[in-house]
Amino acid sequence: MSLLAATIVDWGSLLDVAIVSAVVGLAIALTLGVGVASSLRAQEREGVSALALNAVTVTSVVLVGIAVLAGLHFLADK
């Protein structure tokens, strides 16, 4: 059975996909975490600093949205 699995599965490509998925997943989680933290800090501040923190939040949400759309594009393309 293992000989059959070795001929069907390209283990090198599977490892590449696992590594890329882990790295991208961590990057998305970090980006979303920065967005949530900046949103919470913006609630405590006023003026220009609150505006800057809200800009960081919006940027984080946009980046995560782009990542989701890119992932859907890659899924639909394959």
N, C-alpha and C. Protein backbone atom coordinates (compact mmCIF):
# COMPACT_ATOMS: atom_id res chain seq x y z
N MET A 1 0.82 -1.20 0.00
CA MET A 1 0.00 0.00 0.00
C MET A 1 0.86 1.25 0.00
N SER A 2 1.97 1.24 0.73
CA SER A 2 2.81 2.44 0.78
C SER A 2 3.47 2.70 -0.56
N LEU A 3 3.74 1.65 -1.33
CA LEU A 3 4.30 1.84 -2.66
C LEU A 3 3.30 2.53 -3.56
N LEU A 4 2.04 2.17 -3.42
CA LEU A 4 0.98 2.81 -4.20
C LEU A 4 0.85 4.29 -3.81
N ALA A 5 0.90 4.58 -2.51
CA ALA A 5 0.80 5.96 -2.06
C ALA A 5 1.99 6.78 -2.53
N ALA A 6 3.16 6.16 -2.59
CA ALA A 6 4.35 6.88 -3.04
C ALA A 6 4.26 7.23 -4.52
N THR A 7 3.55 6.43 -5.29
CA THR A 7 3.43 6.73 -6.71
C THR A 7 2.31 7.72 -7.00
N ILE A 8 1.33 7.78 -6.11
CA ILE A 8 0.20 8.68 -6.33
C ILE A 8 0.47 10.07 -5.77
N VAL A 9 1.07 10.16 -4.59
CA VAL A 9 1.25 11.43 -3.89
C VAL A 9 2.64 11.99 -4.18
N ASP A 10 2.67 13.25 -4.56
CA ASP A 10 3.95 13.96 -4.71
C ASP A 10 4.26 14.61 -3.37
N TRP A 11 5.05 13.92 -2.55
CA TRP A 11 5.31 14.34 -1.19
C TRP A 11 6.04 15.67 -1.11
N GLY A 12 6.88 15.97 -2.06
CA GLY A 12 7.58 17.26 -2.07
C GLY A 12 6.63 18.42 -2.26
N SER A 13 5.70 18.27 -3.19
CA SER A 13 4.71 19.32 -3.43
C SER A 13 3.76 19.46 -2.24
N LEU A 14 3.42 18.32 -1.63
CA LEU A 14 2.55 18.36 -0.46
C LEU A 14 3.22 19.09 0.70
N LEU A 15 4.51 18.88 0.88
CA LEU A 15 5.26 19.58 1.92
C LEU A 15 5.33 21.08 1.62
N ASP A 16 5.52 21.43 0.35
CA ASP A 16 5.54 22.85 -0.04
C ASP A 16 4.21 23.52 0.28
N VAL A 17 3.12 22.86 -0.03
CA VAL A 17 1.79 23.41 0.24
C VAL A 17 1.57 23.59 1.74
N ALA A 18 2.02 22.61 2.53
CA ALA A 18 1.85 22.70 3.98
C ALA A 18 2.64 23.87 4.56
N ILE A 19 3.86 24.06 4.08
CA ILE A 19 4.69 25.16 4.59
C ILE A 19 4.10 26.51 4.20
N VAL A 20 3.71 26.64 2.94
CA VAL A 20 3.13 27.92 2.48
C VAL A 20 1.83 28.20 3.23
N SER A 21 1.01 27.19 3.45
CA SER A 21 -0.25 27.38 4.17
C SER A 21 0.00 27.84 5.60
N ALA A 22 0.99 27.24 6.26
CA ALA A 22 1.29 27.63 7.63
C ALA A 22 1.80 29.07 7.70
N VAL A 23 2.68 29.44 6.79
CA VAL A 23 3.24 30.80 6.80
C VAL A 23 2.15 31.83 6.49
N VAL A 24 1.35 31.57 5.49
CA VAL A 24 0.29 32.52 5.12
C VAL A 24 -0.76 32.60 6.22
N GLY A 25 -1.10 31.48 6.82
CA GLY A 25 -2.05 31.48 7.93
C GLY A 25 -1.57 32.30 9.10
N LEU A 26 -0.30 32.15 9.45
CA LEU A 26 0.27 32.96 10.54
C LEU A 26 0.30 34.44 10.18
N ALA A 27 0.63 34.75 8.93
CA ALA A 27 0.66 36.15 8.50
C ALA A 27 -0.73 36.78 8.57
N ILE A 28 -1.74 36.03 8.15
CA ILE A 28 -3.12 36.54 8.22
C ILE A 28 -3.55 36.74 9.66
N ALA A 29 -3.23 35.78 10.52
CA ALA A 29 -3.59 35.91 11.93
C ALA A 29 -2.89 37.10 12.58
N LEU A 30 -1.63 37.31 12.25
CA LEU A 30 -0.89 38.45 12.79
C LEU A 30 -1.48 39.77 12.30
N THR A 31 -1.80 39.83 11.02
CA THR A 31 -2.40 41.05 10.46
C THR A 31 -3.74 41.36 11.10
N LEU A 32 -4.56 40.34 11.27
CA LEU A 32 -5.86 40.56 11.90
C LEU A 32 -5.69 40.93 13.37
N GLY A 33 -4.72 40.35 14.03
CA GLY A 33 -4.44 40.70 15.43
C GLY A 33 -4.02 42.15 15.59
N VAL A 34 -3.18 42.61 14.68
CA VAL A 34 -2.77 44.02 14.71
C VAL A 34 -3.98 44.93 14.49
N GLY A 35 -4.87 44.53 13.59
CA GLY A 35 -6.08 45.32 13.34
C GLY A 35 -6.98 45.40 14.55
N VAL A 36 -7.17 44.27 15.23
CA VAL A 36 -8.02 44.26 16.43
C VAL A 36 -7.39 45.09 17.54
N ALA A 37 -6.07 44.92 17.75
CA ALA A 37 -5.39 45.68 18.80
C ALA A 37 -5.45 47.18 18.53
N SER A 38 -5.25 47.57 17.27
CA SER A 38 -5.30 49.01 16.96
C SER A 38 -6.72 49.55 17.10
N SER A 39 -7.72 48.74 16.80
CA SER A 39 -9.10 49.18 16.98
C SER A 39 -9.41 49.40 18.46
N LEU A 40 -8.94 48.51 19.30
CA LEU A 40 -9.18 48.66 20.73
C LEU A 40 -8.44 49.87 21.30
N ARG A 41 -7.23 50.10 20.84
CA ARG A 41 -6.49 51.27 21.31
C ARG A 41 -7.09 52.58 20.81
N ALA A 42 -7.68 52.55 19.61
CA ALA A 42 -8.30 53.76 19.05
C ALA A 42 -9.50 54.20 19.88
N GLN A 43 -10.16 53.26 20.54
CA GLN A 43 -11.31 53.61 21.37
C GLN A 43 -10.91 54.41 22.60
N GLU A 44 -9.66 54.26 23.02
CA GLU A 44 -9.19 54.95 24.22
C GLU A 44 -8.59 56.32 23.91
N ARG A 45 -8.40 56.63 22.64
CA ARG A 45 -7.71 57.87 22.28
C ARG A 45 -8.62 58.79 21.49
N GLU A 46 -8.12 60.02 21.31
CA GLU A 46 -8.86 61.02 20.55
C GLU A 46 -7.92 61.69 19.57
N GLY A 47 -8.49 62.33 18.59
CA GLY A 47 -7.72 63.15 17.67
C GLY A 47 -6.96 62.34 16.63
N VAL A 48 -5.76 62.84 16.33
CA VAL A 48 -4.96 62.29 15.25
C VAL A 48 -4.50 60.87 15.56
N SER A 49 -4.18 60.58 16.80
CA SER A 49 -3.72 59.23 17.13
C SER A 49 -4.84 58.20 16.94
N ALA A 50 -6.08 58.57 17.27
CA ALA A 50 -7.20 57.67 17.05
C ALA A 50 -7.43 57.46 15.55
N LEU A 51 -7.26 58.54 14.78
CA LEU A 51 -7.42 58.44 13.33
C LEU A 51 -6.37 57.52 12.73
N ALA A 52 -5.14 57.64 13.20
CA ALA A 52 -4.06 56.78 12.69
C ALA A 52 -4.31 55.32 13.06
N LEU A 53 -4.76 55.07 14.27
CA LEU A 53 -5.05 53.70 14.67
C LEU A 53 -6.22 53.12 13.89
N ASN A 54 -7.21 53.93 13.61
CA ASN A 54 -8.33 53.47 12.78
C ASN A 54 -7.87 53.18 11.35
N ALA A 55 -6.92 53.95 10.85
CA ALA A 55 -6.36 53.68 9.52
C ALA A 55 -5.63 52.34 9.51
N VAL A 56 -4.92 52.03 10.59
CA VAL A 56 -4.25 50.73 10.70
C VAL A 56 -5.29 49.61 10.71
N THR A 57 -6.39 49.81 11.41
CA THR A 57 -7.45 48.81 11.46
C THR A 57 -8.03 48.57 10.07
N VAL A 58 -8.34 49.63 9.36
CA VAL A 58 -8.91 49.50 8.02
C VAL A 58 -7.93 48.81 7.08
N THR A 59 -6.67 49.19 7.17
CA THR A 59 -5.64 48.56 6.33
C THR A 59 -5.54 47.07 6.62
N SER A 60 -5.60 46.70 7.88
CA SER A 60 -5.54 45.28 8.26
C SER A 60 -6.72 44.51 7.69
N VAL A 61 -7.90 45.08 7.80
CA VAL A 61 -9.09 44.41 7.28
C VAL A 61 -9.01 44.27 5.76
N VAL A 62 -8.54 45.29 5.09
CA VAL A 62 -8.40 45.23 3.63
C VAL A 62 -7.38 44.16 3.24
N LEU A 63 -6.25 44.10 3.93
CA LEU A 63 -5.24 43.09 3.62
C LEU A 63 -5.76 41.67 3.84
N VAL A 64 -6.51 41.46 4.91
CA VAL A 64 -7.08 40.13 5.15
C VAL A 64 -8.12 39.81 4.08
N GLY A 65 -8.90 40.79 3.69
CA GLY A 65 -9.87 40.58 2.61
C GLY A 65 -9.20 40.22 1.30
N ILE A 66 -8.11 40.88 0.97
CA ILE A 66 -7.34 40.56 -0.23
C ILE A 66 -6.79 39.15 -0.15
N ALA A 67 -6.30 38.76 1.02
CA ALA A 67 -5.77 37.41 1.19
C ALA A 67 -6.86 36.36 0.99
N VAL A 68 -8.05 36.63 1.51
CA VAL A 68 -9.16 35.69 1.34
C VAL A 68 -9.55 35.58 -0.13
N LEU A 69 -9.64 36.71 -0.81
CA LEU A 69 -9.97 36.69 -2.23
C LEU A 69 -8.90 35.99 -3.05
N ALA A 70 -7.64 36.20 -2.71
CA ALA A 70 -6.55 35.51 -3.42
C ALA A 70 -6.64 34.00 -3.20
N GLY A 71 -6.96 33.60 -1.98
CA GLY A 71 -7.12 32.18 -1.70
C GLY A 71 -8.28 31.57 -2.49
N LEU A 72 -9.38 32.28 -2.56
CA LEU A 72 -10.51 31.79 -3.34
C LEU A 72 -10.18 31.71 -4.82
N HIS A 73 -9.41 32.68 -5.30
CA HIS A 73 -8.98 32.66 -6.71
C HIS A 73 -8.11 31.44 -6.99
N PHE A 74 -7.17 31.15 -6.09
CA PHE A 74 -6.31 29.99 -6.29
C PHE A 74 -7.10 28.69 -6.24
N LEU A 75 -8.10 28.62 -5.35
CA LEU A 75 -8.94 27.43 -5.28
C LEU A 75 -9.76 27.24 -6.56
N ALA A 76 -10.31 28.32 -7.06
CA ALA A 76 -11.14 28.23 -8.26
C ALA A 76 -10.31 27.97 -9.51
N ASP A 77 -9.05 28.41 -9.49
CA ASP A 77 -8.18 28.26 -10.65
C ASP A 77 -7.68 26.83 -10.80
N LYS A 78 -7.59 26.07 -9.72
CA LYS A 78 -7.03 24.71 -9.78
C LYS A 78 -8.04 23.70 -10.10
